[in-house]
N, C-alpha and C. Protein backbone atom coordinates (compact mmCIF):
# COMPACT_ATOMS: atom_id res chain seq x y z
N MET A 1 122.80 92.42 111.43
CA MET A 1 121.29 93.02 111.16
C MET A 1 120.62 91.71 111.25
N ASP A 2 119.63 91.64 111.19
CA ASP A 2 118.09 90.52 111.40
C ASP A 2 117.75 90.14 110.19
N ASN A 3 117.16 89.08 109.41
CA ASN A 3 116.86 88.39 108.17
C ASN A 3 115.27 89.66 108.16
N ASP A 4 114.71 90.39 108.83
CA ASP A 4 113.47 90.60 108.78
C ASP A 4 113.53 92.19 107.57
N GLY A 5 112.57 91.90 106.80
CA GLY A 5 112.83 93.37 105.54
C GLY A 5 111.68 94.17 105.83
N ILE A 6 112.05 94.86 104.73
CA ILE A 6 111.22 96.20 104.73
C ILE A 6 109.78 95.97 103.58
N LEU A 7 109.21 96.22 103.40
CA LEU A 7 108.57 95.99 101.85
C LEU A 7 108.23 97.71 102.18
N TYR A 8 108.22 98.02 100.98
CA TYR A 8 108.17 99.58 100.73
C TYR A 8 107.22 99.11 99.17
N HIS A 9 106.25 100.22 99.02
CA HIS A 9 105.27 99.84 97.58
C HIS A 9 104.95 101.18 97.40
N LEU A 10 105.26 101.74 96.04
CA LEU A 10 105.33 102.51 95.22
C LEU A 10 104.44 102.89 94.60
N ALA A 11 104.26 104.24 93.94
CA ALA A 11 103.65 104.64 92.42
C ALA A 11 104.53 105.19 91.93
N ALA A 12 105.18 106.06 92.58
CA ALA A 12 105.73 107.19 91.73
C ALA A 12 107.32 107.38 92.35
N THR A 13 108.03 107.83 91.38
CA THR A 13 109.30 108.27 91.37
C THR A 13 109.42 108.77 92.93
N ALA A 14 110.77 108.42 93.67
CA ALA A 14 110.89 108.41 94.82
C ALA A 14 112.23 107.82 95.69
N THR A 15 112.46 108.32 97.24
CA THR A 15 113.00 107.59 97.17
C THR A 15 112.77 105.86 98.52
N VAL A 16 113.45 105.53 98.17
CA VAL A 16 112.89 104.33 98.64
C VAL A 16 112.67 104.35 100.26
N HIS A 17 114.44 104.09 100.40
CA HIS A 17 115.34 103.71 101.94
C HIS A 17 116.24 104.65 101.70
N PRO A 18 115.79 105.58 103.08
CA PRO A 18 117.16 107.09 102.99
C PRO A 18 118.54 106.24 103.41
N THR A 19 118.43 105.41 103.97
CA THR A 19 120.12 104.78 104.02
C THR A 19 120.30 103.81 103.53
N GLN A 20 121.79 103.12 103.55
CA GLN A 20 122.19 101.85 102.84
C GLN A 20 121.25 100.77 103.38
N GLY A 21 121.68 99.77 102.11
CA GLY A 21 120.09 98.72 102.58
C GLY A 21 120.91 97.65 101.06
N ARG A 22 120.19 96.44 101.55
CA ARG A 22 120.30 95.40 100.27
C ARG A 22 118.82 94.93 99.87
N VAL A 23 118.86 95.55 98.80
CA VAL A 23 117.49 94.95 97.93
C VAL A 23 117.72 93.08 97.74
N THR A 24 116.17 92.79 98.24
CA THR A 24 116.46 91.03 98.02
C THR A 24 114.97 90.71 97.26
N THR A 25 114.15 91.76 96.87
CA THR A 25 112.69 91.32 95.86
C THR A 25 112.39 92.74 95.31
N VAL A 26 111.99 92.48 94.17
CA VAL A 26 111.64 93.53 93.53
C VAL A 26 110.61 93.17 92.78
N ALA A 27 109.15 93.83 92.93
CA ALA A 27 107.95 93.50 91.30
C ALA A 27 107.37 94.94 91.22
N ILE A 28 107.05 94.71 89.65
CA ILE A 28 106.34 95.56 89.61
C ILE A 28 105.11 95.38 88.79
N ALA A 29 103.48 95.95 88.41
CA ALA A 29 103.00 95.66 87.71
C ALA A 29 102.21 96.80 87.14
N ALA A 30 102.38 96.48 85.99
CA ALA A 30 102.18 97.61 84.92
C ALA A 30 100.63 97.92 84.57
N GLY A 31 99.94 99.01 84.27
CA GLY A 31 99.25 99.52 83.92
C GLY A 31 98.33 99.24 82.67
N ALA A 32 97.91 100.74 82.35
CA ALA A 32 97.66 100.72 80.65
C ALA A 32 98.53 101.02 79.84
N ASP A 33 99.66 101.05 79.86
CA ASP A 33 101.21 100.80 79.39
C ASP A 33 102.85 99.97 80.01
N ALA A 34 103.17 99.92 78.92
CA ALA A 34 104.75 99.35 79.47
C ALA A 34 105.14 100.18 81.14
N ALA A 35 105.67 99.56 81.63
CA ALA A 35 106.03 100.01 83.14
C ALA A 35 107.52 99.55 83.51
N SER A 36 108.70 100.77 83.81
CA SER A 36 109.53 99.62 84.18
C SER A 36 110.12 100.95 85.63
N VAL A 37 111.26 99.96 86.46
CA VAL A 37 112.11 101.24 87.80
C VAL A 37 113.41 100.70 87.47
N ILE A 38 113.49 101.52 88.21
CA ILE A 38 115.12 101.61 87.82
C ILE A 38 115.68 102.09 89.50
N LEU A 39 116.24 101.23 90.06
CA LEU A 39 116.96 101.35 91.42
C LEU A 39 118.19 102.01 91.42
N LYS A 40 118.62 102.92 91.84
CA LYS A 40 120.23 103.62 92.36
C LYS A 40 120.54 103.88 93.24
N ASP A 41 122.11 103.91 93.68
CA ASP A 41 122.32 104.25 94.48
C ASP A 41 122.95 105.21 94.58
N GLY A 42 122.44 106.58 95.74
CA GLY A 42 123.01 107.81 95.77
C GLY A 42 121.69 108.50 94.92
N GLY A 43 121.02 108.58 94.94
CA GLY A 43 119.88 109.48 94.78
C GLY A 43 119.48 109.69 93.37
N ALA A 44 118.57 110.21 92.87
CA ALA A 44 118.15 110.12 91.37
C ALA A 44 119.50 110.29 90.30
N SER A 45 120.24 110.53 90.51
CA SER A 45 121.71 110.68 89.69
C SER A 45 122.49 109.67 89.69
N GLY A 46 121.79 109.01 90.77
CA GLY A 46 123.23 107.84 91.23
C GLY A 46 123.62 106.86 90.31
N THR A 47 124.26 106.05 90.97
CA THR A 47 124.61 104.60 90.59
C THR A 47 123.47 103.41 89.78
N THR A 48 122.96 103.20 88.50
CA THR A 48 121.97 102.03 88.80
C THR A 48 122.49 100.97 88.71
N LYS A 49 121.69 99.96 90.02
CA LYS A 49 121.99 98.69 90.41
C LYS A 49 120.56 97.95 89.64
N ILE A 50 119.78 98.06 89.94
CA ILE A 50 118.36 97.38 89.17
C ILE A 50 117.82 98.09 88.18
N THR A 51 117.04 97.09 87.23
CA THR A 51 116.28 97.73 86.35
C THR A 51 115.70 96.68 85.93
N LEU A 52 114.49 97.03 86.14
CA LEU A 52 112.80 96.21 85.82
C LEU A 52 111.67 96.14 85.33
N LYS A 53 111.45 95.72 84.19
CA LYS A 53 110.67 96.31 82.93
C LYS A 53 109.26 95.04 82.79
N ALA A 54 108.19 95.94 83.08
CA ALA A 54 106.84 95.02 82.57
C ALA A 54 106.23 95.06 81.23
N PRO A 55 105.09 94.38 80.72
CA PRO A 55 104.34 95.41 79.13
C PRO A 55 103.16 95.32 79.97
N ALA A 56 103.02 96.25 79.34
CA ALA A 56 101.23 97.09 79.41
C ALA A 56 100.31 95.49 80.16
N GLY A 57 99.81 95.72 81.51
CA GLY A 57 98.83 94.44 81.90
C GLY A 57 99.77 93.77 82.36
N GLU A 58 100.79 93.47 82.40
CA GLU A 58 101.41 92.56 82.96
C GLU A 58 102.29 92.55 84.34
N THR A 59 102.98 91.53 85.25
CA THR A 59 103.92 91.79 85.74
C THR A 59 105.42 91.21 86.11
N ALA A 60 106.53 91.81 86.61
CA ALA A 60 107.53 91.61 86.22
C ALA A 60 107.92 91.33 88.12
N PHE A 61 108.95 90.00 88.27
CA PHE A 61 109.24 89.79 89.19
C PHE A 61 110.26 89.14 89.77
N ILE A 62 111.13 89.79 90.39
CA ILE A 62 113.20 89.43 90.55
C ILE A 62 112.68 89.10 92.33
N SER A 63 113.66 87.97 92.52
CA SER A 63 113.79 87.76 94.28
C SER A 63 115.06 86.91 93.82
N PHE A 64 116.35 88.11 94.45
CA PHE A 64 117.46 86.97 94.67
C PHE A 64 118.17 87.47 96.29
N ARG A 65 119.52 86.80 96.05
CA ARG A 65 120.33 87.10 97.70
C ARG A 65 120.57 88.49 97.58
N GLY A 66 120.19 89.93 96.36
CA GLY A 66 120.38 90.85 97.23
C GLY A 66 121.52 91.27 96.09
N ALA A 67 120.90 93.21 95.86
CA ALA A 67 122.09 94.12 95.82
C ALA A 67 122.56 94.78 97.14
N ASN A 68 123.39 95.33 97.21
CA ASN A 68 123.51 96.29 98.67
C ASN A 68 123.90 97.86 97.43
N PHE A 69 123.40 98.65 98.41
CA PHE A 69 123.21 99.81 98.08
C PHE A 69 123.99 100.75 99.26
N ALA A 70 124.95 101.51 99.06
CA ALA A 70 126.00 101.91 100.35
C ALA A 70 125.83 102.94 100.72
N THR A 71 124.42 104.21 100.16
CA THR A 71 124.13 105.09 100.44
C THR A 71 122.51 105.19 100.61
N ASP A 72 122.04 105.40 99.90
CA ASP A 72 120.60 105.26 99.75
C ASP A 72 119.54 104.45 98.43
N ILE A 73 118.74 104.35 98.76
CA ILE A 73 117.95 103.54 97.38
C ILE A 73 116.97 104.22 96.60
N HIS A 74 116.64 104.95 95.60
CA HIS A 74 116.20 105.59 94.91
C HIS A 74 114.97 105.09 93.71
N ALA A 75 114.33 105.19 93.80
CA ALA A 75 113.66 104.67 92.63
C ALA A 75 112.78 105.47 91.59
N THR A 76 113.20 105.10 90.67
CA THR A 76 113.10 106.21 88.84
C THR A 76 111.98 105.12 88.55
N ILE A 77 110.17 105.42 88.61
CA ILE A 77 109.28 104.75 88.14
C ILE A 77 108.27 105.69 86.94
N THR A 78 108.34 104.73 85.55
CA THR A 78 107.66 105.40 84.84
C THR A 78 106.52 104.48 84.00
N GLY A 79 105.69 104.91 83.48
CA GLY A 79 104.77 104.08 82.57
C GLY A 79 103.12 104.86 83.53
N THR A 80 101.94 104.34 83.06
CA THR A 80 100.66 104.89 83.98
C THR A 80 100.35 103.85 84.88
N ALA A 81 100.25 104.71 85.86
CA ALA A 81 99.28 103.73 87.04
C ALA A 81 100.24 102.18 87.09
N PRO A 82 101.52 102.58 87.61
CA PRO A 82 101.95 100.99 87.84
C PRO A 82 102.42 101.08 89.55
N ALA A 83 102.29 99.94 89.99
CA ALA A 83 102.49 99.61 91.54
C ALA A 83 103.70 99.18 91.53
N VAL A 84 104.83 99.35 92.63
CA VAL A 84 105.71 98.13 92.43
C VAL A 84 106.15 98.30 93.92
N MET A 85 106.76 97.47 94.49
CA MET A 85 107.18 96.47 95.67
C MET A 85 108.78 96.42 95.44
N VAL A 86 109.23 96.93 96.34
CA VAL A 86 110.95 96.87 96.84
C VAL A 86 110.98 96.13 98.57
N GLU A 87 111.38 95.08 98.63
CA GLU A 87 112.09 94.69 100.01
C GLU A 87 113.68 95.13 100.15
N VAL A 88 113.64 95.47 101.20
CA VAL A 88 115.06 95.91 101.84
C VAL A 88 115.29 95.41 102.72
N VAL A 89 116.46 94.26 103.02
CA VAL A 89 117.04 94.16 104.05
C VAL A 89 118.63 94.70 104.81
């Protein structure tokens, strides 16, 4: 596997990446109220691997060596008009 990542931009709950992958960066920008993104391995009812929250009008960001997802990567997003970015390698 090379080091080139894929950046996904999301505004609503969805499957981020349809196959296995490693998440190395997650960012969320909250709108008018607090927002959160929960990344799960194995679809909407899968195992929670990463949770990131941001207060209203603020941004939260995490970048690290990565969390491996064996099946797929699903994002559950809450809040009014949040913007989410997920990097998968």
